[in-house]
Amino acid sequence: MHSQIRTRTRVAGLGLALLLATVASVQAGPQEDFETGAASYRNGDIVGAMPPLRRAADAGHVEAQLQFGFILDWSEENAEAVRYYRMAADSGDPRGQLELARMYLSGEGVEPDPEVARGWIEKAAAQRHAPALTQLGHGYLDGGLGLAADEAQARSH
């Protein structure tokens, strides 16, 4: 009789532990999801990285938005990549702003629009984001981004 009680208690304890582990994984926050997804990505498991990165990105985690956007961009899921880059850009992140600008420059996932691209690059450059400053300078030098070539103005950025 006592062994049956102990067995039932052990089984109930295992069931409770499994339930708690399941609830904990369901209740993982954006940071935990990002860390799980980033670890999977670093280990070469891109498919396994995508669900936790998407959850974190949809919950507003900027690093996850950027990394998930990059995976989508690299996979040629351009319209979806634009969505996640825009999330990061709208939050004020200069890397997201520059990536979104690049999508507008190339016409990947959106209609090409150098003026919209320039606006996003200028926002990133205003935060002293070096790659955006470089991109903006090149726009002035070569007349890209809908700008007139003006070397003097390029040197002032």
N, C-alpha and C. Protein backbone atom coordinates (compact mmCIF):
# COMPACT_ATOMS: atom_id res chain seq x y z
N MET A 1 0.82 -1.19 0.00
CA MET A 1 0.00 0.00 0.00
C MET A 1 0.87 1.26 0.00
N HIS A 2 1.88 1.27 0.87
CA HIS A 2 2.76 2.45 0.93
C HIS A 2 3.52 2.63 -0.37
N SER A 3 3.90 1.51 -1.03
CA SER A 3 4.64 1.63 -2.29
C SER A 3 3.74 2.19 -3.38
N GLN A 4 2.44 1.87 -3.35
CA GLN A 4 1.51 2.44 -4.32
C GLN A 4 1.36 3.94 -4.12
N ILE A 5 1.32 4.37 -2.86
CA ILE A 5 1.19 5.80 -2.56
C ILE A 5 2.45 6.53 -3.02
N ARG A 6 3.63 5.93 -2.74
CA ARG A 6 4.87 6.55 -3.19
C ARG A 6 4.93 6.64 -4.71
N THR A 7 4.51 5.58 -5.40
CA THR A 7 4.52 5.58 -6.87
C THR A 7 3.59 6.65 -7.40
N ARG A 8 2.39 6.75 -6.83
CA ARG A 8 1.44 7.77 -7.27
C ARG A 8 1.98 9.17 -7.00
N THR A 9 2.62 9.35 -5.87
CA THR A 9 3.19 10.65 -5.53
C THR A 9 4.30 11.00 -6.50
N ARG A 10 5.15 10.01 -6.83
CA ARG A 10 6.23 10.25 -7.78
C ARG A 10 5.66 10.61 -9.16
N VAL A 11 4.66 9.87 -9.61
CA VAL A 11 4.04 10.13 -10.91
C VAL A 11 3.38 11.49 -10.90
N ALA A 12 2.68 11.82 -9.82
CA ALA A 12 2.05 13.14 -9.72
C ALA A 12 3.11 14.23 -9.72
N GLY A 13 4.21 13.98 -9.04
CA GLY A 13 5.30 14.96 -9.01
C GLY A 13 5.91 15.16 -10.38
N LEU A 14 6.09 14.08 -11.13
CA LEU A 14 6.61 14.20 -12.49
C LEU A 14 5.62 14.94 -13.38
N GLY A 15 4.35 14.64 -13.21
CA GLY A 15 3.33 15.34 -14.00
C GLY A 15 3.33 16.82 -13.71
N LEU A 16 3.46 17.18 -12.43
CA LEU A 16 3.50 18.58 -12.04
C LEU A 16 4.75 19.25 -12.60
N ALA A 17 5.88 18.57 -12.56
CA ALA A 17 7.12 19.13 -13.10
C ALA A 17 6.99 19.37 -14.61
N LEU A 18 6.40 18.41 -15.32
CA LEU A 18 6.20 18.58 -16.76
C LEU A 18 5.25 19.73 -17.04
N LEU A 19 4.20 19.83 -16.25
CA LEU A 19 3.24 20.93 -16.42
C LEU A 19 3.92 22.28 -16.18
N LEU A 20 4.70 22.38 -15.12
CA LEU A 20 5.40 23.63 -14.82
C LEU A 20 6.41 23.97 -15.91
N ALA A 21 7.11 22.98 -16.44
CA ALA A 21 8.07 23.23 -17.52
C ALA A 21 7.35 23.72 -18.77
N THR A 22 6.20 23.13 -19.05
CA THR A 22 5.41 23.55 -20.21
C THR A 22 4.91 24.97 -20.03
N VAL A 23 4.38 25.28 -18.87
CA VAL A 23 3.88 26.64 -18.59
C VAL A 23 5.03 27.63 -18.68
N ALA A 24 6.18 27.28 -18.15
CA ALA A 24 7.34 28.19 -18.20
C ALA A 24 7.75 28.46 -19.63
N SER A 25 7.73 27.42 -20.48
CA SER A 25 8.14 27.66 -21.87
C SER A 25 7.10 28.48 -22.61
N VAL A 26 5.83 28.29 -22.28
CA VAL A 26 4.78 29.07 -22.92
C VAL A 26 4.85 30.52 -22.45
N GLN A 27 5.24 30.73 -21.21
CA GLN A 27 5.27 32.06 -20.64
C GLN A 27 6.64 32.74 -20.79
N ALA A 28 7.52 32.15 -21.60
CA ALA A 28 8.82 32.78 -21.80
C ALA A 28 8.61 34.17 -22.36
N GLY A 29 9.34 35.11 -21.83
CA GLY A 29 9.22 36.48 -22.29
C GLY A 29 10.02 36.73 -23.54
N PRO A 30 9.91 37.93 -24.08
CA PRO A 30 10.63 38.26 -25.31
C PRO A 30 12.15 38.08 -25.20
N GLN A 31 12.73 38.44 -24.06
CA GLN A 31 14.18 38.29 -23.91
C GLN A 31 14.57 36.81 -23.95
N GLU A 32 13.82 35.98 -23.25
CA GLU A 32 14.12 34.54 -23.24
C GLU A 32 13.93 33.96 -24.63
N ASP A 33 12.85 34.36 -25.32
CA ASP A 33 12.63 33.88 -26.69
C ASP A 33 13.78 34.33 -27.59
N PHE A 34 14.20 35.58 -27.45
CA PHE A 34 15.31 36.06 -28.26
C PHE A 34 16.57 35.23 -27.99
N GLU A 35 16.89 35.01 -26.73
CA GLU A 35 18.08 34.25 -26.39
C GLU A 35 18.02 32.83 -26.94
N THR A 36 16.85 32.20 -26.85
CA THR A 36 16.68 30.85 -27.39
C THR A 36 16.86 30.85 -28.90
N GLY A 37 16.22 31.81 -29.57
CA GLY A 37 16.33 31.90 -31.02
C GLY A 37 17.74 32.22 -31.47
N ALA A 38 18.39 33.15 -30.77
CA ALA A 38 19.75 33.53 -31.13
C ALA A 38 20.71 32.36 -30.94
N ALA A 39 20.51 31.59 -29.87
CA ALA A 39 21.37 30.41 -29.64
C ALA A 39 21.16 29.38 -30.75
N SER A 40 19.93 29.16 -31.13
CA SER A 40 19.66 28.22 -32.23
C SER A 40 20.32 28.71 -33.52
N TYR A 41 20.21 29.99 -33.78
CA TYR A 41 20.81 30.56 -34.99
C TYR A 41 22.34 30.38 -34.97
N ARG A 42 22.96 30.69 -33.84
CA ARG A 42 24.42 30.53 -33.71
C ARG A 42 24.85 29.08 -33.92
N ASN A 43 23.98 28.15 -33.53
CA ASN A 43 24.29 26.73 -33.67
C ASN A 43 23.92 26.19 -35.05
N GLY A 44 23.50 27.08 -35.95
CA GLY A 44 23.19 26.66 -37.31
C GLY A 44 21.77 26.16 -37.51
N ASP A 45 20.95 26.22 -36.49
CA ASP A 45 19.56 25.76 -36.59
C ASP A 45 18.66 26.95 -36.91
N ILE A 46 18.67 27.37 -38.16
CA ILE A 46 17.90 28.55 -38.56
C ILE A 46 16.41 28.28 -38.46
N VAL A 47 15.98 27.09 -38.86
CA VAL A 47 14.56 26.75 -38.78
C VAL A 47 14.10 26.76 -37.33
N GLY A 48 14.89 26.22 -36.43
CA GLY A 48 14.54 26.22 -35.01
C GLY A 48 14.60 27.61 -34.39
N ALA A 49 15.41 28.49 -34.98
CA ALA A 49 15.55 29.86 -34.45
C ALA A 49 14.33 30.70 -34.76
N MET A 50 13.65 30.38 -35.85
CA MET A 50 12.60 31.27 -36.33
C MET A 50 11.40 31.43 -35.39
N PRO A 51 10.81 30.37 -34.84
CA PRO A 51 9.64 30.59 -33.96
C PRO A 51 9.92 31.46 -32.74
N PRO A 52 11.00 31.19 -31.97
CA PRO A 52 11.21 32.07 -30.82
C PRO A 52 11.60 33.50 -31.22
N LEU A 53 12.35 33.64 -32.31
CA LEU A 53 12.68 35.00 -32.77
C LEU A 53 11.43 35.74 -33.21
N ARG A 54 10.53 35.06 -33.90
CA ARG A 54 9.28 35.70 -34.33
C ARG A 54 8.46 36.15 -33.11
N ARG A 55 8.35 35.26 -32.11
CA ARG A 55 7.58 35.63 -30.91
C ARG A 55 8.19 36.85 -30.24
N ALA A 56 9.51 36.85 -30.09
CA ALA A 56 10.18 37.98 -29.45
C ALA A 56 10.02 39.24 -30.28
N ALA A 57 10.17 39.11 -31.60
CA ALA A 57 10.03 40.27 -32.49
C ALA A 57 8.62 40.83 -32.42
N ASP A 58 7.63 39.96 -32.47
CA ASP A 58 6.24 40.42 -32.41
C ASP A 58 5.90 41.06 -31.07
N ALA A 59 6.66 40.69 -30.03
CA ALA A 59 6.46 41.28 -28.71
C ALA A 59 7.23 42.59 -28.53
N GLY A 60 7.94 43.02 -29.59
CA GLY A 60 8.61 44.31 -29.54
C GLY A 60 10.10 44.27 -29.25
N HIS A 61 10.71 43.11 -29.23
CA HIS A 61 12.15 42.98 -28.95
C HIS A 61 12.93 43.39 -30.21
N VAL A 62 13.62 44.52 -30.14
CA VAL A 62 14.27 45.10 -31.32
C VAL A 62 15.36 44.18 -31.88
N GLU A 63 16.20 43.60 -31.04
CA GLU A 63 17.25 42.72 -31.54
C GLU A 63 16.64 41.54 -32.29
N ALA A 64 15.53 41.02 -31.78
CA ALA A 64 14.85 39.91 -32.46
C ALA A 64 14.26 40.38 -33.79
N GLN A 65 13.72 41.59 -33.82
CA GLN A 65 13.19 42.13 -35.07
C GLN A 65 14.28 42.20 -36.13
N LEU A 66 15.44 42.67 -35.72
CA LEU A 66 16.57 42.77 -36.66
C LEU A 66 17.05 41.41 -37.13
N GLN A 67 17.23 40.49 -36.19
CA GLN A 67 17.75 39.18 -36.57
C GLN A 67 16.72 38.40 -37.39
N PHE A 68 15.45 38.47 -37.00
CA PHE A 68 14.42 37.77 -37.76
C PHE A 68 14.27 38.41 -39.15
N GLY A 69 14.33 39.73 -39.20
CA GLY A 69 14.29 40.42 -40.49
C GLY A 69 15.44 40.00 -41.38
N PHE A 70 16.63 39.87 -40.81
CA PHE A 70 17.79 39.43 -41.57
C PHE A 70 17.59 38.03 -42.14
N ILE A 71 17.08 37.11 -41.30
CA ILE A 71 16.84 35.74 -41.77
C ILE A 71 15.84 35.76 -42.92
N LEU A 72 14.77 36.53 -42.76
CA LEU A 72 13.76 36.61 -43.81
C LEU A 72 14.34 37.24 -45.08
N ASP A 73 15.12 38.29 -44.92
CA ASP A 73 15.76 38.97 -46.04
C ASP A 73 16.67 38.00 -46.78
N TRP A 74 17.50 37.32 -46.05
CA TRP A 74 18.43 36.35 -46.60
C TRP A 74 17.70 35.22 -47.32
N SER A 75 16.50 34.87 -46.82
CA SER A 75 15.68 33.81 -47.40
C SER A 75 14.82 34.30 -48.55
N GLU A 76 14.97 35.57 -48.91
CA GLU A 76 14.19 36.20 -49.98
C GLU A 76 12.71 36.28 -49.65
N GLU A 77 12.39 36.32 -48.38
CA GLU A 77 11.02 36.59 -47.91
C GLU A 77 10.96 38.09 -47.66
N ASN A 78 11.12 38.85 -48.73
CA ASN A 78 11.40 40.28 -48.62
C ASN A 78 10.26 41.11 -48.01
N ALA A 79 9.03 40.84 -48.40
CA ALA A 79 7.92 41.63 -47.84
C ALA A 79 7.84 41.44 -46.33
N GLU A 80 8.06 40.21 -45.89
CA GLU A 80 8.03 39.93 -44.46
C GLU A 80 9.26 40.54 -43.77
N ALA A 81 10.40 40.52 -44.43
CA ALA A 81 11.61 41.16 -43.87
C ALA A 81 11.37 42.65 -43.69
N VAL A 82 10.74 43.28 -44.66
CA VAL A 82 10.42 44.71 -44.56
C VAL A 82 9.57 44.97 -43.32
N ARG A 83 8.62 44.10 -43.08
CA ARG A 83 7.73 44.26 -41.91
C ARG A 83 8.55 44.32 -40.60
N TYR A 84 9.50 43.42 -40.45
CA TYR A 84 10.28 43.37 -39.22
C TYR A 84 11.33 44.48 -39.16
N TYR A 85 11.93 44.82 -40.29
CA TYR A 85 12.85 45.96 -40.30
C TYR A 85 12.09 47.24 -39.95
N ARG A 86 10.85 47.36 -40.45
CA ARG A 86 10.06 48.55 -40.15
C ARG A 86 9.74 48.64 -38.65
N MET A 87 9.47 47.51 -38.03
CA MET A 87 9.23 47.51 -36.58
C MET A 87 10.43 48.10 -35.85
N ALA A 88 11.62 47.61 -36.21
CA ALA A 88 12.84 48.10 -35.56
C ALA A 88 13.06 49.57 -35.90
N ALA A 89 12.83 49.93 -37.15
CA ALA A 89 13.02 51.33 -37.59
C ALA A 89 12.05 52.25 -36.86
N ASP A 90 10.79 51.84 -36.76
CA ASP A 90 9.79 52.67 -36.08
C ASP A 90 10.09 52.84 -34.60
N SER A 91 10.82 51.90 -34.03
CA SER A 91 11.18 52.02 -32.62
C SER A 91 12.37 52.97 -32.43
N GLY A 92 12.95 53.43 -33.55
CA GLY A 92 14.06 54.37 -33.47
C GLY A 92 15.43 53.73 -33.60
N ASP A 93 15.48 52.43 -33.87
CA ASP A 93 16.78 51.76 -33.98
C ASP A 93 17.44 52.12 -35.31
N PRO A 94 18.66 52.67 -35.29
CA PRO A 94 19.30 53.09 -36.54
C PRO A 94 19.64 51.92 -37.47
N ARG A 95 19.90 50.75 -36.91
CA ARG A 95 20.19 49.58 -37.76
C ARG A 95 18.93 49.18 -38.53
N GLY A 96 17.78 49.20 -37.85
CA GLY A 96 16.53 48.90 -38.53
C GLY A 96 16.20 49.96 -39.58
N GLN A 97 16.49 51.20 -39.25
CA GLN A 97 16.25 52.29 -40.21
C GLN A 97 17.09 52.10 -41.47
N LEU A 98 18.35 51.74 -41.28
CA LEU A 98 19.23 51.55 -42.44
C LEU A 98 18.82 50.32 -43.24
N GLU A 99 18.48 49.24 -42.58
CA GLU A 99 18.06 48.03 -43.31
C GLU A 99 16.78 48.30 -44.09
N LEU A 100 15.85 49.02 -43.49
CA LEU A 100 14.62 49.36 -44.19
C LEU A 100 14.94 50.24 -45.40
N ALA A 101 15.85 51.19 -45.22
CA ALA A 101 16.27 52.04 -46.34
C ALA A 101 16.85 51.20 -47.47
N ARG A 102 17.65 50.23 -47.13
CA ARG A 102 18.25 49.37 -48.16
C ARG A 102 17.19 48.60 -48.94
N MET A 103 16.13 48.20 -48.25
CA MET A 103 15.04 47.51 -48.95
C MET A 103 14.37 48.46 -49.95
N TYR A 104 14.19 49.72 -49.53
CA TYR A 104 13.61 50.71 -50.44
C TYR A 104 14.55 51.03 -51.60
N LEU A 105 15.83 51.01 -51.35
CA LEU A 105 16.79 51.28 -52.44
C LEU A 105 16.78 50.15 -53.47
N SER A 106 16.71 48.92 -52.99
CA SER A 106 16.78 47.77 -53.90
C SER A 106 15.42 47.38 -54.46
N GLY A 107 14.35 47.85 -53.83
CA GLY A 107 13.02 47.46 -54.27
C GLY A 107 12.67 46.04 -53.87
N GLU A 108 13.28 45.56 -52.81
CA GLU A 108 12.99 44.21 -52.33
C GLU A 108 11.89 44.29 -51.28
N GLY A 109 10.75 43.71 -51.60
CA GLY A 109 9.63 43.69 -50.67
C GLY A 109 8.79 44.95 -50.68
N VAL A 110 9.27 45.98 -51.35
CA VAL A 110 8.56 47.27 -51.47
C VAL A 110 8.89 47.84 -52.85
N GLU A 111 8.09 48.81 -53.26
CA GLU A 111 8.43 49.52 -54.49
C GLU A 111 9.71 50.33 -54.24
N PRO A 112 10.63 50.34 -55.19
CA PRO A 112 11.84 51.14 -54.98
C PRO A 112 11.48 52.62 -54.84
N ASP A 113 12.09 53.24 -53.84
CA ASP A 113 11.80 54.66 -53.60
C ASP A 113 13.01 55.28 -52.92
N PRO A 114 13.91 55.90 -53.71
CA PRO A 114 15.12 56.46 -53.13
C PRO A 114 14.86 57.59 -52.14
N GLU A 115 13.76 58.34 -52.31
CA GLU A 115 13.48 59.42 -51.37
C GLU A 115 13.05 58.87 -50.01
N VAL A 116 12.22 57.83 -50.00
CA VAL A 116 11.86 57.19 -48.72
C VAL A 116 13.10 56.59 -48.09
N ALA A 117 13.92 55.94 -48.91
CA ALA A 117 15.18 55.37 -48.41
C ALA A 117 16.04 56.45 -47.76
N ARG A 118 16.17 57.57 -48.44
CA ARG A 118 16.98 58.66 -47.91
C ARG A 118 16.45 59.14 -46.57
N GLY A 119 15.14 59.24 -46.43
CA GLY A 119 14.55 59.65 -45.16
C GLY A 119 14.96 58.73 -44.01
N TRP A 120 14.92 57.42 -44.27
CA TRP A 120 15.32 56.47 -43.22
C TRP A 120 16.82 56.54 -42.95
N ILE A 121 17.61 56.72 -44.00
CA ILE A 121 19.06 56.84 -43.82
C ILE A 121 19.38 58.10 -43.02
N GLU A 122 18.69 59.19 -43.31
CA GLU A 122 18.92 60.43 -42.57
C GLU A 122 18.57 60.28 -41.10
N LYS A 123 17.51 59.53 -40.79
CA LYS A 123 17.15 59.29 -39.39
C LYS A 123 18.26 58.51 -38.68
N ALA A 124 18.78 57.48 -39.36
CA ALA A 124 19.87 56.70 -38.76
C ALA A 124 21.14 57.53 -38.65
N ALA A 125 21.43 58.33 -39.66
CA ALA A 125 22.63 59.17 -39.65
C ALA A 125 22.54 60.22 -38.54
N ALA A 126 21.34 60.71 -38.27
CA ALA A 126 21.17 61.71 -37.20
C ALA A 126 21.53 61.12 -35.84
N GLN A 127 21.54 59.79 -35.74
CA GLN A 127 21.95 59.13 -34.50
C GLN A 127 23.43 58.73 -34.53
N ARG A 128 24.14 59.27 -35.51
CA ARG A 128 25.58 59.03 -35.68
C ARG A 128 25.89 57.57 -35.97
N HIS A 129 24.96 56.88 -36.63
CA HIS A 129 25.17 55.49 -37.04
C HIS A 129 26.13 55.49 -38.23
N ALA A 130 27.35 55.01 -38.01
CA ALA A 130 28.42 55.12 -39.00
C ALA A 130 28.05 54.57 -40.38
N PRO A 131 27.45 53.37 -40.49
CA PRO A 131 27.10 52.91 -41.84
C PRO A 131 26.09 53.82 -42.54
N ALA A 132 25.18 54.42 -41.77
CA ALA A 132 24.21 55.35 -42.38
C ALA A 132 24.90 56.63 -42.82
N LEU A 133 25.83 57.12 -42.01
CA LEU A 133 26.59 58.30 -42.41
C LEU A 133 27.36 58.04 -43.69
N THR A 134 27.95 56.87 -43.80
CA THR A 134 28.68 56.49 -45.01
C THR A 134 27.75 56.42 -46.21
N GLN A 135 26.59 55.77 -46.02
CA GLN A 135 25.62 55.64 -47.12
C GLN A 135 25.14 57.01 -47.57
N LEU A 136 24.88 57.89 -46.62
CA LEU A 136 24.42 59.24 -46.96
C LEU A 136 25.53 60.00 -47.69
N GLY A 137 26.74 59.88 -47.23
CA GLY A 137 27.87 60.53 -47.90
C GLY A 137 28.01 60.05 -49.33
N HIS A 138 27.89 58.74 -49.55
CA HIS A 138 27.96 58.20 -50.92
C HIS A 138 26.82 58.74 -51.77
N GLY A 139 25.66 58.92 -51.16
CA GLY A 139 24.52 59.48 -51.90
C GLY A 139 24.82 60.88 -52.40
N TYR A 140 25.46 61.66 -51.57
CA TYR A 140 25.84 63.01 -52.00
C TYR A 140 26.94 62.97 -53.06
N LEU A 141 27.88 62.06 -52.89
CA LEU A 141 28.99 61.99 -53.85
C LEU A 141 28.56 61.52 -55.23
N ASP A 142 27.70 60.52 -55.26
CA ASP A 142 27.35 59.95 -56.56
C ASP A 142 25.97 60.35 -57.06
N GLY A 143 25.29 61.20 -56.32
CA GLY A 143 23.98 61.65 -56.75
C GLY A 143 22.89 60.61 -56.52
N GLY A 144 23.17 59.58 -55.75
CA GLY A 144 22.16 58.57 -55.43
C GLY A 144 21.19 59.10 -54.39
N LEU A 145 20.23 58.30 -54.01
CA LEU A 145 19.23 58.64 -53.01
C LEU A 145 18.39 59.84 -53.43
N GLY A 146 18.35 60.12 -54.71
CA GLY A 146 17.58 61.26 -55.19
C GLY A 146 18.24 62.59 -54.91
N LEU A 147 19.52 62.58 -54.62
CA LEU A 147 20.26 63.80 -54.29
C LEU A 147 21.11 64.24 -55.47
N ALA A 148 21.34 65.51 -55.57
CA ALA A 148 22.29 66.03 -56.56
C ALA A 148 23.69 65.77 -56.03
N ALA A 149 24.58 65.37 -56.90
CA ALA A 149 25.96 65.14 -56.49
C ALA A 149 26.55 66.47 -56.02
N ASP A 150 27.02 66.48 -54.79
CA ASP A 150 27.56 67.69 -54.22
C ASP A 150 28.63 67.29 -53.20
N GLU A 151 29.86 67.26 -53.64
CA GLU A 151 30.94 66.78 -52.80
C GLU A 151 31.10 67.61 -51.54
N ALA A 152 30.89 68.91 -51.61
CA ALA A 152 31.03 69.75 -50.43
C ALA A 152 30.03 69.35 -49.36
N GLN A 153 28.80 69.08 -49.77
CA GLN A 153 27.79 68.69 -48.81
C GLN A 153 28.10 67.31 -48.22
N ALA A 154 28.67 66.42 -49.06
CA ALA A 154 29.02 65.08 -48.59
C ALA A 154 30.07 65.17 -47.49
N ARG A 155 31.00 66.08 -47.64
CA ARG A 155 32.05 66.20 -46.63
C ARG A 155 31.55 66.80 -45.33
N SER A 156 30.41 67.45 -45.38
CA SER A 156 29.88 68.05 -44.14
C SER A 156 29.15 67.02 -43.29
N HIS A 157 28.88 65.82 -43.81
CA HIS A 157 28.18 64.77 -43.04
C HIS A 157 29.18 63.90 -42.44
